Amino acid sequence: MSDSTVLENLNPHVSVDCVVFGFEFGKLDILLIERNIEFEGKVYRDLKLPGDLVRKDEDLDTAASRVLTELTGLDNIYLKQFLAIGSPGRLLRQPRDMEWLRTIGHPEEIVVTVAYYSLINIDQDKAANYILQKNACWYAVSEVTELAFDHLSILQKALQVLRTDLNLKPIAFELLPPKFTLRQLQQLYEVISGLKLDKRNFRKKVAGLPFIAPINEKQVDVSHKPARYYSFSHKIYLKTKKDSFYSAT
């Protein structure tokens, strides 16, 4: 299929951007695309969120799912739409942003972007199933200070929404393996909320949640005392859920 045919099948005014969060080794990561561009005689290495224009034959959710599948090789990734942006000057933050759009044949008109956040578990067993695009890489959220276009503000908004949702829904378990330790669960809440939690109080709260239960298995090959594994039951959660899921504070 030629480039012109591909462009003809795209809606030039609507796009999707995806903020892909991952949790591994006690830190919260984000999946970004490396963009190399020569502008005014200098080569720039920028980072951007994964995204694309919406095709004329797909809805917004389908477009976001397509972007993630093409990016990671994975299907059925957790997705939540959380923001729509359409300010007239949003593509004019950097002249090289416009230059990059021209090099890929992207229209220069106002584009409304619908943003999603998604959650991926980056544990070692599952990592082997990823087929990341060669220009995609994980970065620690805490180290991201600049992105192309208005993508940094989109990331910051996604993090705010994620923190709120963490207390309302069982989304933490999208970022954890099927069996996890209470230490891993506490670390996840701490890195997302940005708060240091008291170990005793945290475990007391978790003990009162019927959908988080210990299993008859402990860690092996660790240098410290093996911790017991726990699992999350979505079925029990649905039977017992309330308006809020869990409050870390």
Foldseek 3Di string as FASTA:
>chain_A
DDLVVVVVQFDLAEKEFEFEWADDDLFIKTKWFWDWDADPNDIDTFIFTFMDTDTPPDDPVVRVQVSVCVFWVDHDWDKDWDDKDFDFCQQPPDPVSVVVCVVSVRDPGTHIYTYMYTYAACDPVCVVRTDGDPRMDMDGPVPDDDHHGCRVVVNVVVLVVVLVVVFFDVCLVNRPDQKDFVVSSQSSNCNSNVDDADPVVSVVQVVPDPQKAWDPDWDPPDPDDTTTIIGGDPVVCVVDPDRTDHDRD
